[in-house]
Structures are given as structure tokens and as C-alpha cells.
Amino acid sequence: MDIFSAIVIVVPLISEIGAAYEIDPVHLGIIFIANLELGYLTPPVGLNLFLASYRFNRPLLDVYRASLPFLIILGIGVLLITYVPWLTLGLLEMIGRQ
């Protein structure tokens, strides 16, 4: 499923669940997009890795190996923004979002 289809199909479902658990919609959206990107960078789907392999004329296994450190960093980032809401909502709180 491409990213636009995933957004159209899944967002109405998770927004209702997020509202039931009183999760801020902005925070939930950022978590959702970060998780989508993580999913598009990991095998077996790894759509972005297939595109990079084709574009740079490199074997897919080389692209997988080269992206592994970034996957680890992105995974840690997803965990941080999921469990530390201030990282995603702090700027909004500073400028006084209601």
C-alpha cells in the first residue's frame, strides 16, 4: 500500500482510537507519519530502498546495509516521539496553541 492510500484508509481509524484515549491529534499524526517512513525503509516492503537501489544503480543488499544505521536512529526517534510527547508538542505549547 502506498503512503497516500495508507493515510486515507488508516487515519480515520486511528483518529477515533486516539480521541478515545485522549491523545493529541497533532502528536498522533506525527507518530503515524514517522512509523510510515520507518515501514517504508524496512524490508520486505522497503519501497524507498527499492527506489534508491534503482536510482543509484546499486545492488539492493548494499542499500540495505548502508541504511541500517539510519534505521536504528529512526527507530530510536520514533520511540522518543511516541513516549515523550513534549518533543512533538513542545513548540506548539511555546507559541501558545489553544
Protein backbone atom coordinates (compact mmCIF):
# COMPACT_ATOMS: atom_id res chain seq x y z
CA MET A 1 0.00 0.00 0.00
CA ASP A 2 1.42 3.38 -0.90
CA ILE A 3 1.64 6.21 1.61
CA PHE A 4 -1.41 8.10 0.35
CA SER A 5 -3.63 5.01 0.48
CA ALA A 6 -2.36 4.24 3.97
CA ILE A 7 -3.19 7.75 5.13
CA VAL A 8 -6.69 7.72 3.61
CA ILE A 9 -7.55 4.28 4.97
CA VAL A 10 -5.83 4.21 8.36
CA VAL A 11 -6.12 7.80 9.65
CA PRO A 12 -9.90 7.69 10.22
CA LEU A 13 -9.43 4.52 12.24
CA ILE A 14 -6.56 5.70 14.43
CA SER A 15 -8.01 9.17 14.93
CA GLU A 16 -11.09 7.66 16.58
CA ILE A 17 -8.95 5.43 18.77
CA GLY A 18 -6.68 8.36 19.63
CA ALA A 19 -9.67 10.50 20.59
CA ALA A 20 -10.97 7.72 22.83
CA TYR A 21 -7.62 7.62 24.66
CA GLU A 22 -7.36 11.45 24.69
CA ILE A 23 -4.19 11.55 22.56
CA ASP A 24 -3.45 14.91 20.95
CA PRO A 25 -4.25 14.71 17.20
CA VAL A 26 -1.03 16.51 16.23
CA HIS A 27 1.05 14.11 18.30
CA LEU A 28 -0.80 11.12 16.86
CA GLY A 29 -0.28 12.38 13.30
CA ILE A 30 3.45 12.83 13.80
CA ILE A 31 3.74 9.34 15.30
CA PHE A 32 1.79 7.92 12.36
CA ILE A 33 3.94 9.60 9.69
CA ALA A 34 7.19 8.61 11.44
CA ASN A 35 6.03 5.00 11.65
CA LEU A 36 5.03 5.02 7.99
CA GLU A 37 8.50 6.20 7.00
CA LEU A 38 10.09 3.54 9.17
CA GLY A 39 7.92 0.94 7.46
CA TYR A 40 8.88 2.18 4.01
CA LEU A 41 12.56 1.83 4.86
CA THR A 42 12.48 -1.71 6.20
CA PRO A 43 12.32 -4.99 4.31
CA PRO A 44 10.26 -6.77 2.99
CA VAL A 45 8.28 -3.76 1.73
CA GLY A 46 11.12 -1.23 1.79
CA LEU A 47 9.68 0.75 -1.10
CA ASN A 48 12.12 3.62 -0.56
CA LEU A 49 15.05 1.18 -0.59
CA PHE A 50 13.94 -0.29 -3.91
CA LEU A 51 13.70 3.21 -5.37
CA ALA A 52 17.16 4.13 -4.05
CA SER A 53 18.63 0.92 -5.44
CA TYR A 54 17.18 1.63 -8.86
CA ARG A 55 18.10 5.33 -8.87
CA PHE A 56 21.74 4.87 -7.81
CA ASN A 57 22.30 1.61 -9.73
CA ARG A 58 23.43 -0.22 -6.60
CA PRO A 59 22.55 -3.76 -5.53
CA LEU A 60 19.66 -3.90 -3.10
CA LEU A 61 21.73 -5.63 -0.43
CA ASP A 62 24.25 -2.75 -0.48
CA VAL A 63 21.44 -0.26 0.01
CA TYR A 64 20.05 -2.33 2.91
CA ARG A 65 23.45 -2.41 4.61
CA ALA A 66 24.03 1.31 4.08
CA SER A 67 20.63 2.23 5.51
CA LEU A 68 20.88 0.09 8.66
CA PRO A 69 22.45 2.79 10.91
CA PHE A 70 19.78 5.25 9.81
CA LEU A 71 17.04 2.71 10.53
CA ILE A 72 18.35 2.31 14.06
CA ILE A 73 18.43 6.08 14.58
CA LEU A 74 14.94 6.47 13.10
CA GLY A 75 13.65 3.66 15.32
CA ILE A 76 15.02 5.39 18.40
CA GLY A 77 13.50 8.65 17.18
CA VAL A 78 10.09 7.02 16.75
CA LEU A 79 10.28 5.64 20.28
CA LEU A 80 11.23 9.06 21.63
CA ILE A 81 8.45 10.97 19.89
CA THR A 82 5.95 8.29 20.88
CA TYR A 83 6.75 8.22 24.58
CA VAL A 84 7.92 11.83 25.11
CA PRO A 85 5.02 13.95 23.78
CA TRP A 86 6.82 17.19 24.59
CA LEU A 87 9.17 16.55 21.65
CA THR A 88 6.26 16.87 19.22
CA LEU A 89 4.05 19.30 21.11
CA GLY A 90 6.65 21.49 22.84
CA LEU A 91 6.88 24.10 20.09
CA LEU A 92 3.10 24.36 19.91
CA GLU A 93 2.95 24.87 23.67
CA MET A 94 5.66 27.55 23.48
CA ILE A 95 3.76 29.59 20.90
CA GLY A 96 0.52 29.22 22.84
CA ARG A 97 -1.64 26.85 20.83
CA GLN A 98 -5.06 26.54 22.39
